[in-house]
Protein backbone atom coordinates (compact mmCIF):
# COMPACT_ATOMS: atom_id res chain seq x y z
CA MET A 1 32.65 12.41 33.38
CA ARG A 2 34.20 15.64 32.16
CA PRO A 3 31.81 17.95 34.08
CA ILE A 4 32.47 15.92 37.24
CA ALA A 5 36.22 16.11 36.72
CA ILE A 6 36.12 19.88 36.21
CA LEU A 7 33.82 20.30 39.21
CA GLY A 8 36.26 18.22 41.31
CA LEU A 9 39.16 20.33 40.11
CA ALA A 10 37.23 23.49 41.03
CA SER A 11 36.58 22.05 44.50
CA LEU A 12 40.27 21.33 44.99
CA SER A 13 41.12 24.87 43.89
CA PHE A 14 38.62 26.26 46.37
CA LEU A 15 40.10 24.18 49.22
CA ALA A 16 43.60 25.23 48.24
CA ALA A 17 42.54 28.89 48.14
CA GLN A 18 40.97 28.62 51.58
CA GLY A 19 44.03 26.91 53.02
CA THR A 20 46.74 29.05 51.47
CA GLY A 21 44.99 32.33 50.66
CA ILE A 22 46.78 32.48 47.29
CA PRO A 23 44.70 34.55 44.81
CA LEU A 24 45.64 32.24 41.93
CA PHE A 25 43.56 29.42 43.37
CA PHE A 26 40.57 31.75 43.83
CA HIS A 27 40.87 32.85 40.20
CA LEU A 28 41.16 29.24 39.04
CA PHE A 29 38.07 28.29 41.07
CA TYR A 30 35.99 31.11 39.57
CA LEU A 31 37.29 30.32 36.08
CA LEU A 32 36.35 26.65 36.29
CA LEU A 33 32.87 27.46 37.62
CA ALA A 34 32.33 30.00 34.84
CA LEU A 35 33.52 27.43 32.29
CA LEU A 36 30.97 24.90 33.53
CA VAL A 37 28.10 27.41 33.47
CA LEU A 38 29.06 28.79 30.06
CA SER A 39 29.51 25.32 28.53
CA TYR A 40 26.19 24.06 29.82
CA ALA A 41 24.36 27.18 28.65
CA TRP A 42 25.98 26.87 25.23
CA ALA A 43 25.01 23.19 24.88
CA TRP A 44 21.48 23.87 26.14
CA LEU A 45 20.95 26.69 23.66
CA ASN A 46 22.31 24.55 20.80
CA ILE A 47 19.51 22.00 21.09
CA ARG A 48 16.85 24.69 21.40
CA GLY A 49 15.37 26.57 18.47
CA VAL A 50 15.72 23.54 16.22
CA ARG A 51 12.86 22.04 14.24
CA VAL A 52 12.97 18.66 12.54
CA GLN A 53 10.70 17.70 9.66
CA ARG A 54 10.42 14.21 8.16
CA GLU A 55 9.18 13.59 4.62
CA THR A 56 8.54 9.98 3.64
CA PHE A 57 8.32 9.58 -0.12
CA THR A 58 7.81 5.82 -0.01
CA HIS A 59 5.03 4.55 2.23
CA ARG A 60 4.80 1.19 0.47
CA THR A 61 7.64 -0.62 -1.22
CA GLN A 62 8.88 -4.14 -1.87
CA VAL A 63 11.84 -6.27 -0.87
CA GLY A 64 14.64 -5.49 -3.32
CA GLU A 65 13.57 -1.88 -3.84
CA GLN A 66 14.54 1.29 -1.96
CA ALA A 67 12.71 3.40 0.58
CA HIS A 68 13.18 7.14 0.09
CA ALA A 69 12.86 9.67 2.90
CA ARG A 70 14.20 13.12 3.76
CA LEU A 71 14.98 14.76 7.10
CA THR A 72 15.14 18.54 7.34
CA ILE A 73 16.63 20.31 10.35
CA HIS A 74 15.87 24.04 10.63
CA ASN A 75 17.57 26.58 12.91
CA VAL A 76 14.85 29.12 13.71
CA TRP A 77 17.17 31.27 15.86
CA PRO A 78 19.59 33.87 14.45
CA MET A 79 22.41 32.39 16.56
CA PRO A 80 24.47 29.80 14.60
CA LYS A 81 25.04 26.33 15.96
CA LEU A 82 28.57 25.01 15.53
CA TRP A 83 27.50 21.39 15.39
CA VAL A 84 24.24 19.53 15.67
CA GLU A 85 23.83 15.77 15.40
CA LEU A 86 20.52 14.31 14.29
CA GLN A 87 19.98 10.68 15.32
CA ASP A 88 17.24 8.72 13.58
CA HIS A 89 15.75 5.85 15.61
CA SER A 90 14.01 4.08 12.76
CA ASP A 91 13.68 0.29 12.95
CA LEU A 92 13.96 -0.24 9.19
CA PRO A 93 17.01 -2.50 8.61
CA LEU A 94 20.04 -0.79 7.05
CA HIS A 95 18.48 2.63 7.59
CA GLY A 96 21.04 5.41 8.17
CA ALA A 97 21.64 6.38 11.79
CA GLY A 98 21.75 10.15 11.21
CA PHE A 99 24.14 12.96 10.37
CA VAL A 100 26.15 15.83 11.89
CA THR A 101 26.00 19.35 10.45
CA TYR A 102 26.76 23.02 11.07
CA LEU A 103 23.67 25.21 11.22
CA PRO A 104 23.95 28.93 10.48
CA GLY A 105 21.31 31.28 11.84
CA ARG A 106 17.87 30.79 10.27
CA GLU A 107 19.20 28.15 7.88
CA ARG A 108 18.29 24.55 7.26
CA ARG A 109 20.03 21.34 6.24
CA ARG A 110 18.54 18.30 4.49
CA TRP A 111 19.47 14.65 4.62
CA VAL A 112 18.08 12.28 1.98
CA THR A 113 18.10 8.54 2.66
CA ARG A 114 17.76 5.70 0.16
CA THR A 115 17.46 2.54 2.19
CA PRO A 116 17.52 -0.86 0.46
CA CYS A 117 14.63 -2.98 1.72
CA THR A 118 15.82 -6.46 2.68
CA MET A 119 12.99 -7.61 4.97
CA ARG A 120 9.22 -7.62 4.64
CA GLY A 121 7.09 -6.11 7.36
CA LYS A 122 5.75 -2.87 8.78
CA PHE A 123 8.46 -0.52 10.05
CA THR A 124 8.50 2.83 11.84
CA LEU A 125 10.62 5.77 10.69
CA GLY A 126 11.49 7.89 13.69
CA PRO A 127 11.45 9.38 16.24
CA THR A 128 14.61 11.49 16.14
CA THR A 129 16.98 12.92 18.71
CA VAL A 130 18.84 16.22 18.42
CA VAL A 131 22.28 16.10 20.06
CA SER A 132 24.69 18.99 20.54
CA GLY A 133 27.34 20.30 22.92
CA ASP A 134 29.72 23.11 23.73
CA PRO A 135 32.97 23.90 21.86
CA PHE A 136 35.06 22.53 24.76
CA GLY A 137 33.43 19.12 24.67
CA ILE A 138 32.38 19.23 28.32
CA PHE A 139 28.62 18.79 27.94
CA ARG A 140 26.68 16.71 25.43
CA LEU A 141 22.92 17.27 25.67
CA SER A 142 20.09 15.66 23.70
CA ARG A 143 16.45 16.37 23.06
CA SER A 144 13.88 13.98 21.63
CA VAL A 145 11.81 15.19 18.70
CA GLY A 146 8.51 13.48 18.00
CA GLY A 147 7.08 12.69 14.61
CA THR A 148 7.05 9.22 13.08
CA SER A 149 5.79 7.61 9.90
CA GLU A 150 5.22 4.03 8.88
CA ILE A 151 6.45 2.15 5.85
CA LEU A 152 5.12 -1.19 4.65
CA VAL A 153 7.53 -3.49 2.82
CA TYR A 154 5.86 -6.09 0.63
CA PRO A 155 7.49 -9.50 0.08
CA GLN A 156 9.48 -10.01 -3.07
CA THR A 157 7.74 -11.45 -6.14
CA THR A 158 9.21 -13.47 -8.98
CA ALA A 159 7.95 -14.04 -12.50
CA LEU A 160 6.49 -17.54 -13.00
CA PRO A 161 6.12 -18.08 -16.75
CA GLY A 162 5.90 -21.88 -16.48
CA PHE A 163 3.44 -22.18 -13.59
CA GLY A 164 0.00 -23.47 -14.47
CA LEU A 165 -3.12 -24.73 -12.72
CA PRO A 166 -5.57 -27.53 -13.48
CA SER A 167 -9.07 -26.51 -14.51
CA ALA A 168 -11.79 -26.91 -11.92
CA GLU A 169 -15.10 -28.37 -13.00
CA LEU A 170 -17.78 -25.93 -14.01
CA PRO A 171 -21.37 -26.36 -12.84
CA GLY A 172 -22.72 -29.12 -15.07
CA GLY A 173 -19.50 -31.12 -15.17
CA GLN A 174 -17.64 -29.38 -18.02
CA ASP A 175 -13.90 -28.88 -17.87
CA VAL A 176 -13.53 -26.72 -20.97
CA LYS A 177 -14.36 -23.12 -21.57
CA SER A 178 -17.86 -22.49 -22.90
CA ARG A 179 -19.69 -19.48 -24.30
CA ALA A 180 -21.56 -17.33 -21.77
CA TYR A 181 -24.65 -15.18 -22.39
CA HIS A 182 -23.75 -12.77 -19.61
CA VAL A 183 -20.78 -10.45 -19.15
CA THR A 184 -17.67 -12.14 -17.71
CA PRO A 185 -14.04 -10.97 -17.48
CA ASN A 186 -13.03 -13.35 -20.31
CA VAL A 187 -13.59 -12.09 -23.87
CA ALA A 188 -13.74 -14.89 -26.43
CA THR A 189 -14.19 -12.99 -29.71
CA VAL A 190 -16.04 -10.13 -31.42
CA ARG A 191 -18.92 -10.26 -33.88
CA ASP A 192 -21.19 -7.90 -35.80
CA TYR A 193 -23.70 -5.89 -33.82
CA GLN A 194 -27.24 -7.16 -33.92
CA PRO A 195 -30.42 -5.39 -32.80
CA GLY A 196 -30.99 -6.05 -29.13
CA ASP A 197 -27.30 -6.24 -28.13
CA SER A 198 -26.40 -4.19 -25.09
CA PHE A 199 -24.32 -1.08 -25.70
CA ASN A 200 -21.87 -2.04 -22.92
CA ARG A 201 -20.78 -5.01 -25.08
CA ILE A 202 -19.66 -2.83 -27.99
CA HIS A 203 -15.91 -3.00 -28.62
CA TRP A 204 -15.24 0.55 -29.74
CA ARG A 205 -11.67 0.08 -30.99
CA THR A 206 -12.64 -2.77 -33.30
CA SER A 207 -15.70 -0.80 -34.39
CA ALA A 208 -13.52 2.19 -35.27
CA ARG A 209 -11.12 0.05 -37.33
CA SER A 210 -13.82 -1.88 -39.19
CA GLY A 211 -16.20 1.01 -39.69
CA LYS A 212 -19.15 -0.88 -38.25
CA LEU A 213 -20.37 -1.75 -34.78
CA MET A 214 -18.74 -4.85 -33.27
CA VAL A 215 -19.72 -6.45 -29.94
CA LYS A 216 -17.79 -8.71 -27.55
CA GLU A 217 -18.69 -12.29 -26.78
CA PHE A 218 -17.70 -13.77 -23.45
CA GLU A 219 -16.88 -17.23 -22.13
CA LEU A 220 -16.95 -18.87 -18.73
CA ASP A 221 -13.81 -19.12 -16.61
CA PRO A 222 -12.60 -22.72 -16.09
CA THR A 223 -11.15 -21.80 -12.69
CA ALA A 224 -13.69 -19.40 -11.28
CA GLU A 225 -12.05 -19.18 -7.87
CA ILE A 226 -8.50 -19.87 -6.73
CA TYR A 227 -7.58 -19.89 -3.06
CA LEU A 228 -4.00 -19.76 -1.86
CA VAL A 229 -3.75 -21.60 1.46
CA LEU A 230 -0.47 -20.79 3.24
CA ASP A 231 0.50 -23.03 6.15
CA MET A 232 1.74 -20.73 8.94
CA GLN A 233 1.80 -23.23 11.81
CA GLU A 234 4.82 -22.48 13.95
CA ARG A 235 5.88 -26.04 14.73
CA VAL A 236 6.37 -27.06 11.07
CA GLN A 237 8.73 -24.20 10.21
CA HIS A 238 12.49 -24.65 9.82
CA TYR A 239 15.23 -22.02 9.93
CA ALA A 240 18.55 -22.55 8.21
CA LEU A 241 20.59 -19.45 9.07
CA PRO A 242 20.31 -16.77 11.75
CA SER A 243 20.05 -13.13 10.72
CA ARG A 244 23.36 -11.37 10.85
CA VAL A 245 25.06 -8.22 9.64
CA SER A 246 28.00 -8.59 7.28
CA TYR A 247 30.24 -6.29 5.29
CA SER A 248 30.94 -6.55 1.58
CA GLU A 249 34.33 -6.09 -0.05
CA ALA A 250 33.44 -2.46 -0.73
CA GLY A 251 32.87 -1.93 2.98
CA ARG A 252 29.11 -1.57 2.65
CA ARG A 253 26.95 -2.85 5.45
CA GLU A 254 24.71 -5.69 4.32
CA LEU A 255 22.04 -7.68 6.12
CA ARG A 256 21.75 -11.39 5.54
CA VAL A 257 18.19 -12.35 6.31
CA ALA A 258 17.39 -15.70 7.90
CA GLU A 259 16.47 -18.31 5.32
CA SER A 260 13.44 -20.21 6.51
CA THR A 261 10.47 -22.16 5.25
CA GLU A 262 8.34 -19.25 6.45
CA GLU A 263 10.00 -16.70 4.18
CA TYR A 264 10.12 -19.10 1.24
CA GLY A 265 6.40 -19.76 1.65
CA ILE A 266 5.64 -16.04 1.81
CA GLN A 267 7.62 -15.39 -1.36
CA ALA A 268 5.91 -18.26 -3.16
CA ALA A 269 2.45 -17.02 -2.14
CA ALA A 270 3.20 -13.45 -3.24
CA SER A 271 4.63 -14.54 -6.60
CA ILE A 272 1.78 -16.95 -7.37
CA THR A 273 -0.77 -14.28 -6.47
CA ARG A 274 0.78 -11.78 -8.87
CA HIS A 275 1.05 -14.42 -11.60
CA LEU A 276 -2.61 -15.46 -11.33
CA LEU A 277 -4.01 -11.94 -11.11
CA GLU A 278 -2.01 -10.96 -14.19
CA GLN A 279 -3.91 -13.76 -15.94
CA ASN A 280 -7.18 -12.18 -14.79
CA ARG A 281 -8.02 -15.01 -12.39
CA THR A 282 -10.16 -14.73 -9.27
CA VAL A 283 -7.79 -15.19 -6.34
CA GLY A 284 -8.31 -15.38 -2.58
CA PHE A 285 -5.97 -16.02 0.32
CA ILE A 286 -6.11 -17.96 3.60
CA GLY A 287 -3.35 -17.98 6.20
CA TRP A 288 -3.65 -18.65 9.93
CA GLY A 289 -0.57 -17.08 11.49
CA GLN A 290 -0.54 -14.83 14.56
CA HIS A 291 -4.14 -14.16 13.56
CA ARG A 292 -6.66 -15.61 11.13
CA GLU A 293 -6.21 -13.95 7.75
CA VAL A 294 -8.88 -14.61 5.13
CA ILE A 295 -9.22 -12.53 1.98
CA PRO A 296 -12.24 -13.49 -0.16
CA ALA A 297 -11.57 -14.28 -3.79
CA GLU A 298 -11.65 -11.34 -6.20
CA ARG A 299 -10.01 -10.49 -9.51
CA GLU A 300 -9.70 -6.71 -9.21
CA SER A 301 -6.31 -5.04 -9.36
CA ARG A 302 -6.52 -3.97 -5.73
CA GLN A 303 -6.66 -7.65 -4.72
CA LEU A 304 -2.92 -7.98 -5.28
CA PHE A 305 -2.13 -5.20 -2.82
CA LYS A 306 -4.60 -6.56 -0.27
CA ILE A 307 -2.86 -9.94 -0.31
CA LEU A 308 0.63 -8.42 -0.34
CA GLU A 309 -0.26 -6.26 2.67
CA ALA A 310 -1.43 -9.35 4.54
CA LEU A 311 1.72 -11.27 3.60
CA ALA A 312 3.96 -8.39 4.66
CA VAL A 313 2.95 -8.66 8.32
CA LEU A 314 1.89 -12.31 8.58
CA ARG A 315 4.13 -14.40 10.84
CA ALA A 316 4.37 -18.15 11.35
CA HIS A 317 2.99 -18.05 14.89
CA GLY A 318 -0.07 -20.17 14.20
CA ALA A 319 -1.08 -23.02 16.47
CA GLN A 320 -3.61 -24.73 14.18
CA PRO A 321 -2.27 -27.42 11.84
CA LEU A 322 -3.03 -27.28 8.13
CA ALA A 323 -5.57 -30.10 8.40
CA GLU A 324 -7.72 -28.05 10.78
CA VAL A 325 -7.42 -24.97 8.59
CA LEU A 326 -8.69 -26.87 5.54
CA VAL A 327 -11.63 -28.27 7.49
CA ALA A 328 -12.53 -24.91 9.05
CA GLU A 329 -12.47 -23.10 5.70
CA SER A 330 -13.99 -25.94 3.64
CA THR A 331 -17.25 -24.05 3.08
CA ARG A 332 -15.38 -21.67 0.78
CA PHE A 333 -14.16 -24.45 -1.51
CA GLY A 334 -16.75 -25.58 -4.02
CA ARG A 335 -16.63 -27.47 -7.29
CA ASN A 336 -15.58 -24.35 -9.14
CA CYS A 337 -12.55 -23.83 -6.88
CA THR A 338 -8.85 -24.58 -7.20
CA LEU A 339 -6.63 -24.74 -4.11
CA VAL A 340 -2.96 -23.77 -4.14
CA ILE A 341 -1.54 -25.15 -0.89
CA ILE A 342 1.87 -23.92 0.23
CA THR A 343 3.29 -25.86 3.15
CA SER A 344 6.37 -27.45 4.67
CA SER A 345 4.34 -29.88 6.77
CA LEU A 346 5.11 -33.59 6.45
CA ASP A 347 2.08 -34.64 8.50
CA ASP A 348 -0.27 -36.58 6.22
CA HIS A 349 -3.40 -35.56 8.13
CA TRP A 350 -3.80 -32.49 5.94
CA ILE A 351 -3.73 -34.75 2.86
CA VAL A 352 -6.77 -36.58 4.24
CA SER A 353 -8.58 -33.24 4.67
CA LEU A 354 -7.59 -32.27 1.14
CA GLN A 355 -8.85 -35.59 -0.18
CA HIS A 356 -12.35 -34.84 1.13
CA LEU A 357 -12.31 -31.56 -0.79
CA LEU A 358 -11.27 -33.39 -3.95
CA TYR A 359 -14.25 -35.72 -3.57
CA ARG A 360 -16.47 -32.62 -3.64
CA GLY A 361 -15.06 -31.62 -7.04
CA ALA A 362 -12.35 -29.15 -6.12
CA ARG A 363 -8.89 -29.19 -7.70
CA ALA A 364 -5.57 -28.71 -5.94
CA VAL A 365 -1.93 -27.85 -6.52
CA VAL A 366 0.65 -28.24 -3.77
CA VAL A 367 3.84 -26.22 -3.41
CA GLN A 368 5.94 -28.08 -0.88
CA ILE A 369 8.68 -26.09 0.85
CA ASP A 370 11.27 -28.83 1.32
CA PRO A 371 12.01 -28.87 5.09
CA GLN A 372 14.93 -31.27 4.63
CA SER A 373 16.87 -28.63 2.68
CA PHE A 374 16.49 -26.31 5.72
CA GLY A 375 17.98 -28.81 8.14
CA GLY A 376 14.94 -30.99 8.81
CA TRP A 377 15.52 -34.70 9.36
CA GLN A 378 12.29 -36.12 7.86
CA ASP A 379 12.16 -37.24 4.24
CA PRO A 380 9.41 -35.49 2.19
CA LEU A 381 9.12 -38.36 -0.33
CA ALA A 382 6.34 -40.04 1.65
CA VAL A 383 4.10 -36.97 1.39
CA GLN A 384 4.98 -36.54 -2.27
CA GLY A 385 4.02 -40.17 -2.89
CA ARG A 386 0.61 -39.70 -1.26
CA LEU A 387 -0.01 -36.61 -3.40
CA ALA A 388 1.07 -38.50 -6.52
CA GLU A 389 -1.50 -41.21 -5.73
CA LEU A 390 -4.20 -38.53 -5.67
CA ARG A 391 -2.83 -37.08 -8.94
CA ILE A 392 -2.22 -33.71 -7.35
CA PRO A 393 0.48 -31.67 -9.14
CA THR A 394 3.25 -31.08 -6.61
CA TYR A 395 6.06 -28.56 -6.87
CA VAL A 396 9.08 -28.78 -4.54
CA TYR A 397 10.81 -25.55 -3.49
CA GLY A 398 14.08 -26.07 -1.63
CA GLN A 399 16.58 -23.77 0.04
CA GLY A 400 18.73 -21.86 -2.41
CA GLN A 401 16.55 -22.84 -5.36
CA SER A 402 15.12 -20.34 -7.80
CA LEU A 403 11.35 -20.03 -7.41
CA THR A 404 10.95 -19.71 -11.18
CA GLU A 405 12.73 -23.03 -11.71
CA ALA A 406 10.96 -24.73 -8.79
CA LEU A 407 7.51 -23.92 -10.21
CA GLN A 408 8.46 -24.70 -13.79
CA GLN A 409 7.63 -28.40 -13.65
CA PRO A 410 5.79 -30.49 -11.03
CA VAL A 411 7.39 -33.55 -9.52
CA SER A 412 6.70 -36.67 -11.55
CA ALA A 413 5.17 -39.80 -10.03
CA GLU A 414 8.46 -41.68 -10.49
CA GLN A 415 10.35 -39.00 -8.56
CA ALA A 416 7.77 -39.01 -5.77
CA VAL A 417 8.08 -42.75 -5.11
CA SER A 418 11.81 -43.10 -5.70
């Protein structure tokens, strides 16, 4: 509006000069036109000769941690710039909007951001916009600067010291650990070396301490494969609170994330995965959200990051109910398999599908996200009673409850039928 106002005032001065012939109006007209040209040229030059560089130090982080990045703005011209504003259009929640600085000739300024991560997902840092103007405040010009980077925020994980799983049956019908004649990830003990033992079984640290060769003996794993099945059907999800921005007493901007059965299920899946892999178990993941996500069971350290990456972007947009998911993926669940089912569904059809898998020798644990605590009207006791009849350990995780406490002890049969 200011350039239009000055241009209108210049027009009035020109009309007054033509009507009266007074030199003052001619001088005022020329002065206002020169001011407009000079101001625009100044603002235009201020946003030129500027380079912006983004350095992302954290490409992968976790909810509760911080994302570190640095923006550098460099004035490649010898002419100083009185003020330059750098606007960052990143979609990471709580990320800083930018900064304003004075740029001397051939100098640079840096801006370091430490953004607390409050939401899981894949976010984009950038692009940026350089904004500047003239000293009179008449023009304010901007120029977009390309260059973006992505950051992946994993869901938060919680320690689960009290969470345990039932043992699945081994081939042959045994439920206890037994000695194996081949190499497995589970070391039972060490013994003296005997001729014919493979060198890859030698335990060098024990051999160094004892002064003689000692070899490792291995045992079978009672739960050879564990599959986490996360129910991501959209219609069974419940949301308690909308996302909103609030301000703390210190004036800091905080984001309150929506509490939902979806996010509670994601957190439970991530925490259980970390807990099981730390125990050297073979873990896989199945979740049908906006797309079918299946990660075959492995026990390597990279398996944790593969599952966390899938959980970071998985959304509860699935159309298939849990019963159909269990049937479609049933070929993966054998007698040496344990299922960890995480769901908020109160439809007992999935229990029937699970029952067929139990008849085939599989084992199961259910983590029920209590939909009633999120505003649902149906009572989950009926589902808990059915699971108690099948002797399936069931953990109930409600809104506002600590995950560590929720997975400390399964619901008893008396609680399920009361």
